[in-house]
Structures are given as C-alpha cells and as structure tokens.
C-alpha cells in the first residue's frame, strides 16, 4: 500500500479502522488481564482449599484417636466402677456381720448381767 497515492478520506478511513482495531486490542488486553487475575485468585483459593482439606484430615484423625481413647476410658471406668461396687457390697456385708456380732455380744452381755444379778439376788 502506498499511502502517498491515497486520498485524505481513504487515509482517515484507515486511521479510524486502525484506531478501532487498537481499541479492540486494548479491550482484549484488559479482558486477558482480568482472566489472569481471576486465574490467580482461583489458584490462591485452590491452595486454601488444599490447606483446609489437610487440616480436616488432621482433625478427623485426632477425632478418631479421641473417640478410641474415650472408648478405652469408658471401658476402664466401667470395670473400676464394677470393682468398686463389689468392694462396697463386701464392705456392707462385713459391716452387717460386725453389727450382728455386736448385737449378739450386747445381747449375751445383757443375759450374763441378768444371770449374775439374779444369782446375786438369791444369795
């Protein structure tokens, strides 16, 4: 194309066309820049999601460990409470036996005391 041979109107038309193309290129550049920004934000969000998933796995493993520990503790405390119940029942039986022995001793002492005084009155 030889610009020297073109008329002023043709040159203005070419300039307008190039200006229009430049505006379109600039708009596409802005659109590409926005897409790159969106991609960067998505990458950051993806990293955050990965970090949260790792934290979730970590917490789930701790929850599982705590549940297992809770189960063991409940079993252990259950066994200990059963043993304490056995000891309590044994202690109650012992106390009842001792109380019975004391009652018998008191009754026997009362009988002996009564016998002594009755025999003492006869003399």
C-alpha atoms as a PDB file:
ATOM      1  CA  UNK A   1       0.000   0.000   0.000  1.00  0.00           C
ATOM      2  CA  UNK A   2       1.302   3.340  -0.974  1.00  0.00           C
ATOM      3  CA  UNK A   3      -0.039   5.988   1.355  1.00  0.00           C
ATOM      4  CA  UNK A   4       1.142   8.807  -0.931  1.00  0.00           C
ATOM      5  CA  UNK A   5      -1.318   7.912  -3.630  1.00  0.00           C
ATOM      6  CA  UNK A   6      -4.312   7.667  -1.249  1.00  0.00           C
ATOM      7  CA  UNK A   7      -6.779  10.426  -0.734  1.00  0.00           C
ATOM      8  CA  UNK A   8      -7.266  12.143   2.566  1.00  0.00           C
ATOM      9  CA  UNK A   9     -10.638  10.406   3.081  1.00  0.00           C
ATOM     10  CA  UNK A  10      -9.089   6.995   2.488  1.00  0.00           C
ATOM     11  CA  UNK A  11      -6.276   7.752   4.949  1.00  0.00           C
ATOM     12  CA  UNK A  12      -8.778   8.943   7.565  1.00  0.00           C
ATOM     13  CA  UNK A  13     -10.772   5.753   6.967  1.00  0.00           C
ATOM     14  CA  UNK A  14      -7.614   3.635   7.510  1.00  0.00           C
ATOM     15  CA  UNK A  15      -6.702   5.639  10.620  1.00  0.00           C
ATOM     16  CA  UNK A  16     -10.236   5.198  12.008  1.00  0.00           C
ATOM     17  CA  UNK A  17     -10.077   1.482  11.241  1.00  0.00           C
ATOM     18  CA  UNK A  18      -6.681   1.170  12.959  1.00  0.00           C
ATOM     19  CA  UNK A  19      -7.974   3.187  15.908  1.00  0.00           C
ATOM     20  CA  UNK A  20     -10.964   0.862  16.140  1.00  0.00           C
ATOM     21  CA  UNK A  21      -8.628  -2.156  15.971  1.00  0.00           C
ATOM     22  CA  UNK A  22      -6.395  -0.596  18.653  1.00  0.00           C
ATOM     23  CA  UNK A  23      -9.428  -0.122  20.918  1.00  0.00           C
ATOM     24  CA  UNK A  24     -10.455  -3.735  20.312  1.00  0.00           C
ATOM     25  CA  UNK A  25      -6.915  -4.938  21.105  1.00  0.00           C
ATOM     26  CA  UNK A  26      -6.878  -2.788  24.259  1.00  0.00           C
ATOM     27  CA  UNK A  27     -10.257  -4.220  25.327  1.00  0.00           C
ATOM     28  CA  UNK A  28      -8.961  -7.753  24.741  1.00  0.00           C
ATOM     29  CA  UNK A  29      -5.805  -6.924  26.716  1.00  0.00           C
ATOM     30  CA  UNK A  30      -7.978  -5.761  29.641  1.00  0.00           C
ATOM     31  CA  UNK A  31     -10.081  -8.908  29.317  1.00  0.00           C
ATOM     32  CA  UNK A  32      -6.961 -11.104  29.312  1.00  0.00           C
ATOM     33  CA  UNK A  33      -5.591  -9.214  32.331  1.00  0.00           C
ATOM     34  CA  UNK A  34      -8.876  -9.795  34.154  1.00  0.00           C
ATOM     35  CA  UNK A  35      -8.789 -13.503  33.253  1.00  0.00           C
ATOM     36  CA  UNK A  36      -5.204 -13.754  34.526  1.00  0.00           C
ATOM     37  CA  UNK A  37      -6.261 -12.049  37.750  1.00  0.00           C
ATOM     38  CA  UNK A  38      -9.210 -14.468  38.093  1.00  0.00           C
ATOM     39  CA  UNK A  39      -6.899 -17.444  37.460  1.00  0.00           C
ATOM     40  CA  UNK A  40      -4.502 -16.161  40.137  1.00  0.00           C
ATOM     41  CA  UNK A  41      -7.351 -15.783  42.627  1.00  0.00           C
ATOM     42  CA  UNK A  42      -8.610 -19.282  41.800  1.00  0.00           C
ATOM     43  CA  UNK A  43      -5.116 -20.675  42.326  1.00  0.00           C
ATOM     44  CA  UNK A  44      -4.936 -18.975  45.737  1.00  0.00           C
ATOM     45  CA  UNK A  45      -8.380 -20.302  46.647  1.00  0.00           C
ATOM     46  CA  UNK A  46      -7.322 -23.764  45.487  1.00  0.00           C
ATOM     47  CA  UNK A  47      -4.298 -23.600  47.794  1.00  0.00           C
ATOM     48  CA  UNK A  48      -6.547 -22.520  50.659  1.00  0.00           C
ATOM     49  CA  UNK A  49      -8.908 -25.411  49.916  1.00  0.00           C
ATOM     50  CA  UNK A  50      -5.993 -27.860  49.918  1.00  0.00           C
ATOM     51  CA  UNK A  51      -4.777 -26.448  53.240  1.00  0.00           C
ATOM     52  CA  UNK A  52      -8.288 -26.757  54.689  1.00  0.00           C
ATOM     53  CA  UNK A  53      -8.576 -30.335  53.428  1.00  0.00           C
ATOM     54  CA  UNK A  54      -5.263 -31.196  55.107  1.00  0.00           C
ATOM     55  CA  UNK A  55      -6.461 -29.578  58.317  1.00  0.00           C
ATOM     56  CA  UNK A  56      -9.730 -31.518  58.023  1.00  0.00           C
ATOM     57  CA  UNK A  57      -7.816 -34.797  57.661  1.00  0.00           C
ATOM     58  CA  UNK A  58      -5.653 -33.867  60.656  1.00  0.00           C
ATOM     59  CA  UNK A  59      -8.702 -33.037  62.769  1.00  0.00           C
ATOM     60  CA  UNK A  60     -10.521 -36.193  61.681  1.00  0.00           C
ATOM     61  CA  UNK A  61      -7.554 -38.326  62.698  1.00  0.00           C
ATOM     62  CA  UNK A  62      -7.479 -36.588  66.090  1.00  0.00           C
ATOM     63  CA  UNK A  63     -11.213 -37.041  66.488  1.00  0.00           C
ATOM     64  CA  UNK A  64     -10.850 -40.743  65.722  1.00  0.00           C
ATOM     65  CA  UNK A  65      -7.992 -41.055  68.228  1.00  0.00           C
ATOM     66  CA  UNK A  66     -10.019 -39.227  70.872  1.00  0.00           C
ATOM     67  CA  UNK A  67     -13.040 -41.445  70.235  1.00  0.00           C
ATOM     68  CA  UNK A  68     -10.874 -44.540  70.665  1.00  0.00           C
ATOM     69  CA  UNK A  69      -9.378 -43.105  73.849  1.00  0.00           C
ATOM     70  CA  UNK A  70     -12.874 -42.268  75.095  1.00  0.00           C
ATOM     71  CA  UNK A  71     -13.954 -45.861  74.431  1.00  0.00           C
ATOM     72  CA  UNK A  72     -10.961 -47.238  76.341  1.00  0.00           C
ATOM     73  CA  UNK A  73     -11.572 -44.857  79.242  1.00  0.00           C
ATOM     74  CA  UNK A  74     -15.249 -45.752  79.394  1.00  0.00           C
ATOM     75  CA  UNK A  75     -14.392 -49.456  79.461  1.00  0.00           C
ATOM     76  CA  UNK A  76     -11.727 -48.887  82.119  1.00  0.00           C
ATOM     77  CA  UNK A  77     -14.012 -46.759  84.278  1.00  0.00           C
ATOM     78  CA  UNK A  78     -16.805 -49.294  83.813  1.00  0.00           C
ATOM     79  CA  UNK A  79     -14.545 -52.063  85.105  1.00  0.00           C
ATOM     80  CA  UNK A  80     -13.390 -49.897  88.001  1.00  0.00           C
ATOM     81  CA  UNK A  81     -16.953 -48.960  88.931  1.00  0.00           C
ATOM     82  CA  UNK A  82     -17.880 -52.660  88.920  1.00  0.00           C
ATOM     83  CA  UNK A  83     -14.916 -53.401  91.190  1.00  0.00           C
ATOM     84  CA  UNK A  84     -15.875 -50.508  93.481  1.00  0.00           C
ATOM     85  CA  UNK A  85     -19.415 -51.897  93.607  1.00  0.00           C
ATOM     86  CA  UNK A  86     -18.035 -55.322  94.552  1.00  0.00           C
ATOM     87  CA  UNK A  87     -15.865 -53.719  97.282  1.00  0.00           C
ATOM     88  CA  UNK A  88     -18.816 -51.675  98.534  1.00  0.00           C
ATOM     89  CA  UNK A  89     -21.041 -54.766  98.696  1.00  0.00           C
ATOM     90  CA  UNK A  90     -18.303 -56.696 100.509  1.00  0.00           C
ATOM     91  CA  UNK A  91     -17.820 -53.836 102.951  1.00  0.00           C
ATOM     92  CA  UNK A  92     -21.579 -53.641 103.560  1.00  0.00           C
ATOM     93  CA  UNK A  93     -21.673 -57.395 104.208  1.00  0.00           C
ATOM     94  CA  UNK A  94     -18.726 -57.056 106.587  1.00  0.00           C
ATOM     95  CA  UNK A  95     -20.398 -54.166 108.403  1.00  0.00           C
ATOM     96  CA  UNK A  96     -23.656 -56.148 108.692  1.00  0.00           C
ATOM     97  CA  UNK A  97     -21.702 -59.115 110.040  1.00  0.00           C
ATOM     98  CA  UNK A  98     -19.883 -56.934 112.565  1.00  0.00           C
ATOM     99  CA  UNK A  99     -23.183 -55.298 113.538  1.00  0.00           C
ATOM    100  CA  UNK A 100     -24.709 -58.742 114.016  1.00  0.00           C
ATOM    101  CA  UNK A 101     -21.747 -59.806 116.146  1.00  0.00           C
ATOM    102  CA  UNK A 102     -22.053 -56.635 118.222  1.00  0.00           C
ATOM    103  CA  UNK A 103     -25.774 -57.197 118.655  1.00  0.00           C
ATOM    104  CA  UNK A 104     -25.124 -60.792 119.762  1.00  0.00           C
ATOM    105  CA  UNK A 105     -22.392 -59.636 122.142  1.00  0.00           C
ATOM    106  CA  UNK A 106     -24.660 -56.978 123.635  1.00  0.00           C
ATOM    107  CA  UNK A 107     -27.488 -59.475 123.990  1.00  0.00           C
ATOM    108  CA  UNK A 108     -25.153 -62.069 125.524  1.00  0.00           C
ATOM    109  CA  UNK A 109     -23.755 -59.468 127.919  1.00  0.00           C
ATOM    110  CA  UNK A 110     -27.275 -58.482 128.913  1.00  0.00           C
ATOM    111  CA  UNK A 111     -28.152 -62.118 129.554  1.00  0.00           C
ATOM    112  CA  UNK A 112     -24.974 -62.658 131.577  1.00  0.00           C
ATOM    113  CA  UNK A 113     -25.549 -59.483 133.506  1.00  0.00           C
ATOM    114  CA  UNK A 114     -29.112 -60.538 134.210  1.00  0.00           C
ATOM    115  CA  UNK A 115     -27.944 -64.009 135.302  1.00  0.00           C
ATOM    116  CA  UNK A 116     -25.294 -62.506 137.582  1.00  0.00           C
ATOM    117  CA  UNK A 117     -27.730 -60.156 139.237  1.00  0.00           C
ATOM    118  CA  UNK A 118     -30.421 -62.814 139.527  1.00  0.00           C
ATOM    119  CA  UNK A 119     -27.984 -65.262 141.068  1.00  0.00           C
ATOM    120  CA  UNK A 120     -26.684 -62.484 143.226  1.00  0.00           C
ATOM    121  CA  UNK A 121     -30.178 -61.728 144.475  1.00  0.00           C
ATOM    122  CA  UNK A 122     -30.693 -65.363 145.505  1.00  0.00           C
ATOM    123  CA  UNK A 123     -27.708 -65.371 147.814  1.00  0.00           C
END
